[in-house]
Amino acid sequence: PDCLLLQFLSYLRACDRLLKQGYEEGQVEEAMEMFQYSEKKAAEFLHLLAQFNDMGFQQNEIKEVLLLCGNQREKALEELMMK
């Protein structure tokens, strides 16, 4: 049981750090789940999601492409531009 509690507290701290960077709660939770609670991968995903969103791409397309491309910025941008 202690192990689960520690994992949960670690998850909450990671979410808190991502929220403090300005990401929305729903997006943070979704990203953490998509990347099996890896804060680093979730942070990369959220950063690229925001970047591509600012460029005018649709959020659902961005998510799909980032997952397919494994958060590789250049590859994802190429895919988005071809759509």
C-alpha atoms as a PDB file:
ATOM      1  CA  PRO A   1       0.000   0.000   0.000  1.00  0.00           C
ATOM      2  CA  ASP A   2       2.839   2.443   0.761  1.00  0.00           C
ATOM      3  CA  CYS A   3       4.165   1.974  -2.756  1.00  0.00           C
ATOM      4  CA  LEU A   4       0.818   2.961  -4.285  1.00  0.00           C
ATOM      5  CA  LEU A   5       0.605   5.999  -2.052  1.00  0.00           C
ATOM      6  CA  LEU A   6       4.100   7.097  -3.076  1.00  0.00           C
ATOM      7  CA  GLN A   7       3.234   6.629  -6.757  1.00  0.00           C
ATOM      8  CA  PHE A   8       0.067   8.668  -6.311  1.00  0.00           C
ATOM      9  CA  LEU A   9       1.909  11.472  -4.496  1.00  0.00           C
ATOM     10  CA  SER A  10       4.547  11.492  -7.228  1.00  0.00           C
ATOM     11  CA  TYR A  11       1.776  11.748  -9.845  1.00  0.00           C
ATOM     12  CA  LEU A  12       0.165  14.660  -7.979  1.00  0.00           C
ATOM     13  CA  ARG A  13       3.494  16.515  -7.709  1.00  0.00           C
ATOM     14  CA  ALA A  14       4.142  16.007 -11.432  1.00  0.00           C
ATOM     15  CA  CYS A  15       0.660  17.286 -12.293  1.00  0.00           C
ATOM     16  CA  ASP A  16       1.173  20.267 -10.011  1.00  0.00           C
ATOM     17  CA  ARG A  17       4.455  21.172 -11.718  1.00  0.00           C
ATOM     18  CA  LEU A  18       2.807  20.958 -15.161  1.00  0.00           C
ATOM     19  CA  LEU A  19      -0.167  23.048 -14.007  1.00  0.00           C
ATOM     20  CA  LYS A  20       2.233  25.711 -12.730  1.00  0.00           C
ATOM     21  CA  GLN A  21       3.647  25.910 -16.253  1.00  0.00           C
ATOM     22  CA  GLY A  22       0.225  27.109 -17.379  1.00  0.00           C
ATOM     23  CA  TYR A  23      -1.282  23.972 -18.893  1.00  0.00           C
ATOM     24  CA  GLU A  24      -4.964  23.180 -18.355  1.00  0.00           C
ATOM     25  CA  GLU A  25      -5.849  20.531 -15.791  1.00  0.00           C
ATOM     26  CA  GLY A  26      -7.695  18.284 -18.247  1.00  0.00           C
ATOM     27  CA  GLN A  27      -4.810  18.373 -20.697  1.00  0.00           C
ATOM     28  CA  VAL A  28      -2.284  17.595 -17.956  1.00  0.00           C
ATOM     29  CA  GLU A  29      -4.269  14.584 -16.737  1.00  0.00           C
ATOM     30  CA  GLU A  30      -4.788  13.315 -20.296  1.00  0.00           C
ATOM     31  CA  ALA A  31      -1.094  13.714 -21.178  1.00  0.00           C
ATOM     32  CA  MET A  32       0.024  11.963 -17.993  1.00  0.00           C
ATOM     33  CA  GLU A  33      -2.261   9.021 -18.775  1.00  0.00           C
ATOM     34  CA  MET A  34      -1.211   8.845 -22.437  1.00  0.00           C
ATOM     35  CA  PHE A  35       2.452   8.637 -21.467  1.00  0.00           C
ATOM     36  CA  GLN A  36       2.003   6.225 -18.549  1.00  0.00           C
ATOM     37  CA  TYR A  37       2.651   8.953 -15.990  1.00  0.00           C
ATOM     38  CA  SER A  38       6.000  10.056 -17.428  1.00  0.00           C
ATOM     39  CA  GLU A  39       6.211  13.723 -16.506  1.00  0.00           C
ATOM     40  CA  LYS A  40       8.987  14.328 -19.060  1.00  0.00           C
ATOM     41  CA  LYS A  41       7.021  12.888 -21.998  1.00  0.00           C
ATOM     42  CA  ALA A  42       3.799  14.583 -20.872  1.00  0.00           C
ATOM     43  CA  ALA A  43       5.618  17.925 -20.634  1.00  0.00           C
ATOM     44  CA  GLU A  44       7.070  17.499 -24.155  1.00  0.00           C
ATOM     45  CA  PHE A  45       3.623  16.637 -25.488  1.00  0.00           C
ATOM     46  CA  LEU A  46       1.937  19.621 -23.790  1.00  0.00           C
ATOM     47  CA  HIS A  47       4.649  21.999 -24.999  1.00  0.00           C
ATOM     48  CA  LEU A  48       4.316  20.831 -28.611  1.00  0.00           C
ATOM     49  CA  LEU A  49       0.528  20.796 -28.375  1.00  0.00           C
ATOM     50  CA  ALA A  50       0.552  24.460 -27.305  1.00  0.00           C
ATOM     51  CA  GLN A  51       3.099  25.370 -29.981  1.00  0.00           C
ATOM     52  CA  PHE A  52       1.171  23.751 -32.825  1.00  0.00           C
ATOM     53  CA  ASN A  53      -2.099  25.105 -31.467  1.00  0.00           C
ATOM     54  CA  ASP A  54      -0.621  28.629 -31.659  1.00  0.00           C
ATOM     55  CA  MET A  55       0.255  27.919 -35.306  1.00  0.00           C
ATOM     56  CA  GLY A  56      -3.433  27.339 -35.991  1.00  0.00           C
ATOM     57  CA  PHE A  57      -3.605  23.559 -36.214  1.00  0.00           C
ATOM     58  CA  GLN A  58      -6.629  21.722 -34.793  1.00  0.00           C
ATOM     59  CA  GLN A  59      -6.074  20.238 -31.350  1.00  0.00           C
ATOM     60  CA  ASN A  60      -7.450  16.778 -32.173  1.00  0.00           C
ATOM     61  CA  GLU A  61      -5.170  16.547 -35.241  1.00  0.00           C
ATOM     62  CA  ILE A  62      -2.174  17.702 -33.205  1.00  0.00           C
ATOM     63  CA  LYS A  63      -2.765  15.044 -30.532  1.00  0.00           C
ATOM     64  CA  GLU A  64      -3.090  12.302 -33.130  1.00  0.00           C
ATOM     65  CA  VAL A  65       0.065  13.322 -34.989  1.00  0.00           C
ATOM     66  CA  LEU A  66       2.141  13.769 -31.817  1.00  0.00           C
ATOM     67  CA  LEU A  67       1.185  10.285 -30.648  1.00  0.00           C
ATOM     68  CA  LEU A  68       2.020   8.777 -34.045  1.00  0.00           C
ATOM     69  CA  CYS A  69       5.335  10.629 -34.229  1.00  0.00           C
ATOM     70  CA  GLY A  70       6.336  10.025 -30.621  1.00  0.00           C
ATOM     71  CA  ASN A  71       6.560  13.755 -29.809  1.00  0.00           C
ATOM     72  CA  GLN A  72       9.130  14.352 -32.563  1.00  0.00           C
ATOM     73  CA  ARG A  73       8.595  18.017 -33.391  1.00  0.00           C
ATOM     74  CA  GLU A  74       9.874  18.120 -36.978  1.00  0.00           C
ATOM     75  CA  LYS A  75       8.165  14.888 -38.017  1.00  0.00           C
ATOM     76  CA  ALA A  76       4.894  15.993 -36.402  1.00  0.00           C
ATOM     77  CA  LEU A  77       5.042  19.415 -38.066  1.00  0.00           C
ATOM     78  CA  GLU A  78       5.610  17.751 -41.437  1.00  0.00           C
ATOM     79  CA  GLU A  79       2.580  15.502 -40.899  1.00  0.00           C
ATOM     80  CA  LEU A  80       0.389  18.429 -39.839  1.00  0.00           C
ATOM     81  CA  MET A  81       1.392  20.479 -42.876  1.00  0.00           C
ATOM     82  CA  MET A  82       0.458  17.595 -45.193  1.00  0.00           C
ATOM     83  CA  LYS A  83      -3.078  17.364 -43.780  1.00  0.00           C
END
